[in-house]
Amino acid sequence: MKTIKVLGSGCKNCETTANLIKIAAEQAGVEIEVEKVTDIAEIMAFGVMSTPGVVVDGEVVHAGGLPGPDLVREWVSEN
């Protein structure tokens, strides 16, 4: 199971990003764990300066703005 963290203050884009990830995982039939990280110190520790940021299994894969659907599908794929 993949662990995906959505980094951000809880803004609309952060919430939308988390929902896009959950929907893509459900459509792909992949089990994931989504964690929302709102602590600024923890977000900065990942080196993310613009939110939403996305961390998949400990690796930052996105920062700033809404991710595209193809990118989200890539994150939840089992590869």
PDB file of N, CA and C in Angstrom:
ATOM      1  N   MET A   1       0.843  -1.180   0.000  1.00  0.00           N
ATOM      2  CA  MET A   1       0.000   0.000   0.000  1.00  0.00           C
ATOM      3  C   MET A   1       0.885   1.238   0.000  1.00  0.00           C
ATOM      4  N   LYS A   2       0.526   2.199  -0.852  1.00  0.00           N
ATOM      5  CA  LYS A   2       1.277   3.440  -0.924  1.00  0.00           C
ATOM      6  C   LYS A   2       0.781   4.412   0.137  1.00  0.00           C
ATOM      7  N   THR A   3       1.714   5.186   0.662  1.00  0.00           N
ATOM      8  CA  THR A   3       1.371   6.265   1.580  1.00  0.00           C
ATOM      9  C   THR A   3       1.594   7.573   0.842  1.00  0.00           C
ATOM     10  N   ILE A   4       0.525   8.364   0.751  1.00  0.00           N
ATOM     11  CA  ILE A   4       0.603   9.631   0.040  1.00  0.00           C
ATOM     12  C   ILE A   4       0.252  10.752   1.015  1.00  0.00           C
ATOM     13  N   LYS A   5       1.149  11.738   1.087  1.00  0.00           N
ATOM     14  CA  LYS A   5       0.922  12.886   1.952  1.00  0.00           C
ATOM     15  C   LYS A   5       0.617  14.097   1.085  1.00  0.00           C
ATOM     16  N   VAL A   6      -0.433  14.818   1.457  1.00  0.00           N
ATOM     17  CA  VAL A   6      -0.762  16.071   0.798  1.00  0.00           C
ATOM     18  C   VAL A   6      -0.342  17.183   1.759  1.00  0.00           C
ATOM     19  N   LEU A   7       0.611  17.986   1.317  1.00  0.00           N
ATOM     20  CA  LEU A   7       1.162  19.038   2.163  1.00  0.00           C
ATOM     21  C   LEU A   7       0.489  20.364   1.849  1.00  0.00           C
ATOM     22  N   GLY A   8      -0.033  21.018   2.875  1.00  0.00           N
ATOM     23  CA  GLY A   8      -0.646  22.328   2.672  1.00  0.00           C
ATOM     24  C   GLY A   8      -1.445  22.772   3.873  1.00  0.00           C
ATOM     25  N   SER A   9      -1.886  23.996   3.801  1.00  0.00           N
ATOM     26  CA  SER A   9      -2.578  24.623   4.928  1.00  0.00           C
ATOM     27  C   SER A   9      -4.027  24.178   5.070  1.00  0.00           C
ATOM     28  N   GLY A  10      -4.510  23.414   4.116  1.00  0.00           N
ATOM     29  CA  GLY A  10      -5.919  23.028   4.128  1.00  0.00           C
ATOM     30  C   GLY A  10      -6.735  23.895   3.181  1.00  0.00           C
ATOM     31  N   CYS A  11      -6.050  24.586   2.291  1.00  0.00           N
ATOM     32  CA  CYS A  11      -6.724  25.452   1.319  1.00  0.00           C
ATOM     33  C   CYS A  11      -7.531  24.611   0.329  1.00  0.00           C
ATOM     34  N   LYS A  12      -8.304  25.281  -0.490  1.00  0.00           N
ATOM     35  CA  LYS A  12      -9.159  24.602  -1.461  1.00  0.00           C
ATOM     36  C   LYS A  12      -8.349  23.703  -2.402  1.00  0.00           C
ATOM     37  N   ASN A  13      -7.210  24.197  -2.888  1.00  0.00           N
ATOM     38  CA  ASN A  13      -6.380  23.388  -3.794  1.00  0.00           C
ATOM     39  C   ASN A  13      -5.834  22.148  -3.096  1.00  0.00           C
ATOM     40  N   CYS A  14      -5.515  22.269  -1.809  1.00  0.00           N
ATOM     41  CA  CYS A  14      -5.005  21.119  -1.055  1.00  0.00           C
ATOM     42  C   CYS A  14      -6.101  20.069  -0.894  1.00  0.00           C
ATOM     43  N   GLU A  15      -7.292  20.517  -0.559  1.00  0.00           N
ATOM     44  CA  GLU A  15      -8.432  19.601  -0.409  1.00  0.00           C
ATOM     45  C   GLU A  15      -8.762  18.928  -1.742  1.00  0.00           C
ATOM     46  N   THR A  16      -8.748  19.718  -2.810  1.00  0.00           N
ATOM     47  CA  THR A  16      -9.038  19.172  -4.143  1.00  0.00           C
ATOM     48  C   THR A  16      -8.000  18.137  -4.540  1.00  0.00           C
ATOM     49  N   THR A  17      -6.728  18.420  -4.273  1.00  0.00           N
ATOM     50  CA  THR A  17      -5.655  17.483  -4.594  1.00  0.00           C
ATOM     51  C   THR A  17      -5.856  16.160  -3.859  1.00  0.00           C
ATOM     52  N   ALA A  18      -6.166  16.224  -2.569  1.00  0.00           N
ATOM     53  CA  ALA A  18      -6.402  15.009  -1.777  1.00  0.00           C
ATOM     54  C   ALA A  18      -7.569  14.216  -2.354  1.00  0.00           C
ATOM     55  N   ASN A  19      -8.634  14.913  -2.740  1.00  0.00           N
ATOM     56  CA  ASN A  19      -9.804  14.232  -3.313  1.00  0.00           C
ATOM     57  C   ASN A  19      -9.480  13.605  -4.662  1.00  0.00           C
ATOM     58  N   LEU A  20      -8.706  14.296  -5.496  1.00  0.00           N
ATOM     59  CA  LEU A  20      -8.309  13.739  -6.799  1.00  0.00           C
ATOM     60  C   LEU A  20      -7.520  12.448  -6.616  1.00  0.00           C
ATOM     61  N   ILE A  21      -6.637  12.435  -5.628  1.00  0.00           N
ATOM     62  CA  ILE A  21      -5.826  11.248  -5.367  1.00  0.00           C
ATOM     63  C   ILE A  21      -6.712  10.086  -4.921  1.00  0.00           C
ATOM     64  N   LYS A  22      -7.644  10.364  -4.017  1.00  0.00           N
ATOM     65  CA  LYS A  22      -8.543   9.308  -3.527  1.00  0.00           C
ATOM     66  C   LYS A  22      -9.397   8.741  -4.659  1.00  0.00           C
ATOM     67  N   ILE A  23      -9.911   9.609  -5.511  1.00  0.00           N
ATOM     68  CA  ILE A  23     -10.750   9.164  -6.635  1.00  0.00           C
ATOM     69  C   ILE A  23      -9.933   8.327  -7.616  1.00  0.00           C
ATOM     70  N   ALA A  24      -8.717   8.776  -7.946  1.00  0.00           N
ATOM     71  CA  ALA A  24      -7.865   8.041  -8.892  1.00  0.00           C
ATOM     72  C   ALA A  24      -7.519   6.662  -8.338  1.00  0.00           C
ATOM     73  N   ALA A  25      -7.245   6.575  -7.048  1.00  0.00           N
ATOM     74  CA  ALA A  25      -6.907   5.290  -6.436  1.00  0.00           C
ATOM     75  C   ALA A  25      -8.108   4.351  -6.465  1.00  0.00           C
ATOM     76  N   GLU A  26      -9.279   4.903  -6.182  1.00  0.00           N
ATOM     77  CA  GLU A  26     -10.497   4.094  -6.203  1.00  0.00           C
ATOM     78  C   GLU A  26     -10.764   3.559  -7.613  1.00  0.00           C
ATOM     79  N   GLN A  27     -10.599   4.419  -8.613  1.00  0.00           N
ATOM     80  CA  GLN A  27     -10.819   4.008 -10.001  1.00  0.00           C
ATOM     81  C   GLN A  27      -9.806   2.954 -10.443  1.00  0.00           C
ATOM     82  N   ALA A  28      -8.578   3.046  -9.918  1.00  0.00           N
ATOM     83  CA  ALA A  28      -7.531   2.094 -10.289  1.00  0.00           C
ATOM     84  C   ALA A  28      -7.606   0.823  -9.457  1.00  0.00           C
ATOM     85  N   GLY A  29      -8.440   0.829  -8.419  1.00  0.00           N
ATOM     86  CA  GLY A  29      -8.548  -0.332  -7.554  1.00  0.00           C
ATOM     87  C   GLY A  29      -7.309  -0.537  -6.699  1.00  0.00           C
ATOM     88  N   VAL A  30      -6.639   0.572  -6.362  1.00  0.00           N
ATOM     89  CA  VAL A  30      -5.402   0.524  -5.582  1.00  0.00           C
ATOM     90  C   VAL A  30      -5.685   1.041  -4.177  1.00  0.00           C
ATOM     91  N   GLU A  31      -5.160   0.324  -3.201  1.00  0.00           N
ATOM     92  CA  GLU A  31      -5.333   0.744  -1.815  1.00  0.00           C
ATOM     93  C   GLU A  31      -4.203   1.703  -1.443  1.00  0.00           C
ATOM     94  N   ILE A  32      -4.580   2.887  -0.957  1.00  0.00           N
ATOM     95  CA  ILE A  32      -3.600   3.889  -0.546  1.00  0.00           C
ATOM     96  C   ILE A  32      -3.997   4.450   0.809  1.00  0.00           C
ATOM     97  N   GLU A  33      -3.047   5.112   1.423  1.00  0.00           N
ATOM     98  CA  GLU A  33      -3.314   5.856   2.653  1.00  0.00           C
ATOM     99  C   GLU A  33      -2.983   7.315   2.352  1.00  0.00           C
ATOM    100  N   VAL A  34      -3.972   8.202   2.526  1.00  0.00           N
ATOM    101  CA  VAL A  34      -3.756   9.625   2.285  1.00  0.00           C
ATOM    102  C   VAL A  34      -3.698  10.336   3.628  1.00  0.00           C
ATOM    103  N   GLU A  35      -2.624  11.068   3.817  1.00  0.00           N
ATOM    104  CA  GLU A  35      -2.439  11.834   5.051  1.00  0.00           C
ATOM    105  C   GLU A  35      -2.314  13.308   4.683  1.00  0.00           C
ATOM    106  N   LYS A  36      -3.053  14.152   5.371  1.00  0.00           N
ATOM    107  CA  LYS A  36      -2.951  15.588   5.141  1.00  0.00           C
ATOM    108  C   LYS A  36      -1.989  16.170   6.179  1.00  0.00           C
ATOM    109  N   VAL A  37      -0.983  16.879   5.693  1.00  0.00           N
ATOM    110  CA  VAL A  37       0.021  17.484   6.567  1.00  0.00           C
ATOM    111  C   VAL A  37      -0.165  18.994   6.509  1.00  0.00           C
ATOM    112  N   THR A  38      -0.503  19.593   7.645  1.00  0.00           N
ATOM    113  CA  THR A  38      -0.738  21.035   7.690  1.00  0.00           C
ATOM    114  C   THR A  38       0.314  21.779   8.504  1.00  0.00           C
ATOM    115  N   ASP A  39       1.196  21.047   9.183  1.00  0.00           N
ATOM    116  CA  ASP A  39       2.237  21.660  10.005  1.00  0.00           C
ATOM    117  C   ASP A  39       3.304  22.285   9.108  1.00  0.00           C
ATOM    118  N   ILE A  40       3.478  23.600   9.233  1.00  0.00           N
ATOM    119  CA  ILE A  40       4.401  24.317   8.356  1.00  0.00           C
ATOM    120  C   ILE A  40       5.830  23.789   8.483  1.00  0.00           C
ATOM    121  N   ALA A  41       6.275  23.483   9.693  1.00  0.00           N
ATOM    122  CA  ALA A  41       7.636  22.967   9.889  1.00  0.00           C
ATOM    123  C   ALA A  41       7.825  21.639   9.159  1.00  0.00           C
ATOM    124  N   GLU A  42       6.822  20.770   9.211  1.00  0.00           N
ATOM    125  CA  GLU A  42       6.918  19.477   8.523  1.00  0.00           C
ATOM    126  C   GLU A  42       6.917  19.668   7.009  1.00  0.00           C
ATOM    127  N   ILE A  43       6.103  20.602   6.524  1.00  0.00           N
ATOM    128  CA  ILE A  43       6.056  20.893   5.088  1.00  0.00           C
ATOM    129  C   ILE A  43       7.418  21.417   4.626  1.00  0.00           C
ATOM    130  N   MET A  44       7.993  22.333   5.401  1.00  0.00           N
ATOM    131  CA  MET A  44       9.300  22.907   5.062  1.00  0.00           C
ATOM    132  C   MET A  44      10.394  21.837   5.103  1.00  0.00           C
ATOM    133  N   ALA A  45      10.258  20.854   5.986  1.00  0.00           N
ATOM    134  CA  ALA A  45      11.251  19.780   6.082  1.00  0.00           C
ATOM    135  C   ALA A  45      11.338  18.981   4.789  1.00  0.00           C
ATOM    136  N   PHE A  46      10.240  18.943   4.036  1.00  0.00           N
ATOM    137  CA  PHE A  46      10.239  18.264   2.733  1.00  0.00           C
ATOM    138  C   PHE A  46      10.821  19.160   1.639  1.00  0.00           C
ATOM    139  N   GLY A  47      11.078  20.430   1.968  1.00  0.00           N
ATOM    140  CA  GLY A  47      11.615  21.361   0.981  1.00  0.00           C
ATOM    141  C   GLY A  47      10.550  21.943   0.074  1.00  0.00           C
ATOM    142  N   VAL A  48       9.292  21.799   0.451  1.00  0.00           N
ATOM    143  CA  VAL A  48       8.189  22.307  -0.366  1.00  0.00           C
ATOM    144  C   VAL A  48       7.917  23.757   0.022  1.00  0.00           C
ATOM    145  N   MET A  49       8.013  24.654  -0.955  1.00  0.00           N
ATOM    146  CA  MET A  49       7.810  26.078  -0.696  1.00  0.00           C
ATOM    147  C   MET A  49       6.450  26.568  -1.192  1.00  0.00           C
ATOM    148  N   SER A  50       5.825  25.827  -2.103  1.00  0.00           N
ATOM    149  CA  SER A  50       4.487  26.208  -2.563  1.00  0.00           C
ATOM    150  C   SER A  50       3.587  24.988  -2.493  1.00  0.00           C
ATOM    151  N   THR A  51       2.390  25.227  -2.020  1.00  0.00           N
ATOM    152  CA  THR A  51       1.447  24.131  -1.808  1.00  0.00           C
ATOM    153  C   THR A  51       0.349  24.174  -2.860  1.00  0.00           C
ATOM    154  N   PRO A  52      -0.341  23.080  -3.056  1.00  0.00           N
ATOM    155  CA  PRO A  52      -0.170  21.819  -2.366  1.00  0.00           C
ATOM    156  C   PRO A  52       1.066  21.063  -2.831  1.00  0.00           C
ATOM    157  N   GLY A  53       1.657  20.373  -1.880  1.00  0.00           N
ATOM    158  CA  GLY A  53       2.758  19.472  -2.187  1.00  0.00           C
ATOM    159  C   GLY A  53       2.268  18.046  -2.038  1.00  0.00           C
ATOM    160  N   VAL A  54       2.858  17.131  -2.765  1.00  0.00           N
ATOM    161  CA  VAL A  54       2.472  15.724  -2.679  1.00  0.00           C
ATOM    162  C   VAL A  54       3.731  14.888  -2.484  1.00  0.00           C
ATOM    163  N   VAL A  55       3.668  14.003  -1.496  1.00  0.00           N
ATOM    164  CA  VAL A  55       4.776  13.104  -1.191  1.00  0.00           C
ATOM    165  C   VAL A  55       4.255  11.676  -1.314  1.00  0.00           C
ATOM    166  N   VAL A  56       4.880  10.882  -2.172  1.00  0.00           N
ATOM    167  CA  VAL A  56       4.496   9.483  -2.358  1.00  0.00           C
ATOM    168  C   VAL A  56       5.617   8.614  -1.810  1.00  0.00           C
ATOM    169  N   ASP A  57       5.280   7.822  -0.799  1.00  0.00           N
ATOM    170  CA  ASP A  57       6.257   6.924  -0.171  1.00  0.00           C
ATOM    171  C   ASP A  57       7.568   7.642   0.157  1.00  0.00           C
ATOM    172  N   GLY A  58       7.449   8.852   0.729  1.00  0.00           N
ATOM    173  CA  GLY A  58       8.615   9.588   1.190  1.00  0.00           C
ATOM    174  C   GLY A  58       9.306  10.460   0.160  1.00  0.00           C
ATOM    175  N   GLU A  59       8.841  10.442  -1.092  1.00  0.00           N
ATOM    176  CA  GLU A  59       9.467  11.224  -2.161  1.00  0.00           C
ATOM    177  C   GLU A  59       8.529  12.328  -2.633  1.00  0.00           C
ATOM    178  N   VAL A  60       9.026  13.572  -2.642  1.00  0.00           N
ATOM    179  CA  VAL A  60       8.226  14.703  -3.127  1.00  0.00           C
ATOM    180  C   VAL A  60       8.061  14.544  -4.637  1.00  0.00           C
ATOM    181  N   VAL A  61       6.801  14.506  -5.092  1.00  0.00           N
ATOM    182  CA  VAL A  61       6.533  14.323  -6.514  1.00  0.00           C
ATOM    183  C   VAL A  61       5.827  15.525  -7.139  1.00  0.00           C
ATOM    184  N   HIS A  62       5.391  16.473  -6.285  1.00  0.00           N
ATOM    185  CA  HIS A  62       4.651  17.626  -6.813  1.00  0.00           C
ATOM    186  C   HIS A  62       4.680  18.751  -5.793  1.00  0.00           C
ATOM    187  N   ALA A  63       4.734  19.982  -6.291  1.00  0.00           N
ATOM    188  CA  ALA A  63       4.625  21.152  -5.417  1.00  0.00           C
ATOM    189  C   ALA A  63       4.025  22.309  -6.201  1.00  0.00           C
ATOM    190  N   GLY A  64       2.985  22.911  -5.628  1.00  0.00           N
ATOM    191  CA  GLY A  64       2.381  24.107  -6.201  1.00  0.00           C
ATOM    192  C   GLY A  64       1.350  23.827  -7.274  1.00  0.00           C
ATOM    193  N   GLY A  65       0.131  24.282  -7.047  1.00  0.00           N
ATOM    194  CA  GLY A  65      -0.930  24.155  -8.038  1.00  0.00           C
ATOM    195  C   GLY A  65      -1.558  22.776  -8.059  1.00  0.00           C
ATOM    196  N   LEU A  66      -2.676  22.702  -8.766  1.00  0.00           N
ATOM    197  CA  LEU A  66      -3.380  21.424  -8.882  1.00  0.00           C
ATOM    198  C   LEU A  66      -2.664  20.511  -9.868  1.00  0.00           C
ATOM    199  N   PRO A  67      -2.458  19.263  -9.506  1.00  0.00           N
ATOM    200  CA  PRO A  67      -1.824  18.319 -10.432  1.00  0.00           C
ATOM    201  C   PRO A  67      -2.815  17.865 -11.503  1.00  0.00           C
ATOM    202  N   GLY A  68      -2.297  17.528 -12.665  1.00  0.00           N
ATOM    203  CA  GLY A  68      -3.129  17.029 -13.744  1.00  0.00           C
ATOM    204  C   GLY A  68      -3.566  15.592 -13.487  1.00  0.00           C
ATOM    205  N   PRO A  69      -4.662  15.168 -14.117  1.00  0.00           N
ATOM    206  CA  PRO A  69      -5.192  13.825 -13.887  1.00  0.00           C
ATOM    207  C   PRO A  69      -4.217  12.705 -14.243  1.00  0.00           C
ATOM    208  N   ASP A  70      -3.423  12.873 -15.309  1.00  0.00           N
ATOM    209  CA  ASP A  70      -2.467  11.825 -15.688  1.00  0.00           C
ATOM    210  C   ASP A  70      -1.395  11.656 -14.615  1.00  0.00           C
ATOM    211  N   LEU A  71      -0.967  12.769 -14.046  1.00  0.00           N
ATOM    212  CA  LEU A  71       0.041  12.730 -12.996  1.00  0.00           C
ATOM    213  C   LEU A  71      -0.500  12.028 -11.753  1.00  0.00           C
ATOM    214  N   VAL A  72      -1.726  12.334 -11.393  1.00  0.00           N
ATOM    215  CA  VAL A  72      -2.356  11.705 -10.218  1.00  0.00           C
ATOM    216  C   VAL A  72      -2.491  10.202 -10.437  1.00  0.00           C
ATOM    217  N   ARG A  73      -2.905   9.802 -11.633  1.00  0.00           N
ATOM    218  CA  ARG A  73      -3.025   8.369 -11.938  1.00  0.00           C
ATOM    219  C   ARG A  73      -1.677   7.670 -11.832  1.00  0.00           C
ATOM    220  N   GLU A  74      -0.637   8.356 -12.248  1.00  0.00           N
ATOM    221  CA  GLU A  74       0.722   7.801 -12.166  1.00  0.00           C
ATOM    222  C   GLU A  74       1.114   7.561 -10.701  1.00  0.00           C
ATOM    223  N   TRP A  75       0.751   8.469  -9.802  1.00  0.00           N
ATOM    224  CA  TRP A  75       1.090   8.318  -8.387  1.00  0.00           C
ATOM    225  C   TRP A  75       0.438   7.107  -7.768  1.00  0.00           C
ATOM    226  N   VAL A  76      -0.803   6.814  -8.148  1.00  0.00           N
ATOM    227  CA  VAL A  76      -1.531   5.724  -7.510  1.00  0.00           C
ATOM    228  C   VAL A  76      -1.357   4.380  -8.219  1.00  0.00           C
ATOM    229  N   SER A  77      -0.672   4.413  -9.372  1.00  0.00           N
ATOM    230  CA  SER A  77      -0.481   3.147 -10.082  1.00  0.00           C
ATOM    231  C   SER A  77       0.406   2.248  -9.243  1.00  0.00           C
ATOM    232  N   GLU A  78       0.295   0.952  -9.468  1.00  0.00           N
ATOM    233  CA  GLU A  78       1.020  -0.012  -8.646  1.00  0.00           C
ATOM    234  C   GLU A  78       2.467  -0.190  -9.054  1.00  0.00           C
ATOM    235  N   ASN A  79       2.902   0.510 -10.091  1.00  0.00           N
ATOM    236  CA  ASN A  79       4.293   0.397 -10.554  1.00  0.00           C
ATOM    237  C   ASN A  79       5.238   1.071  -9.617  1.00  0.00           C
TER     238      ASN A  79
END
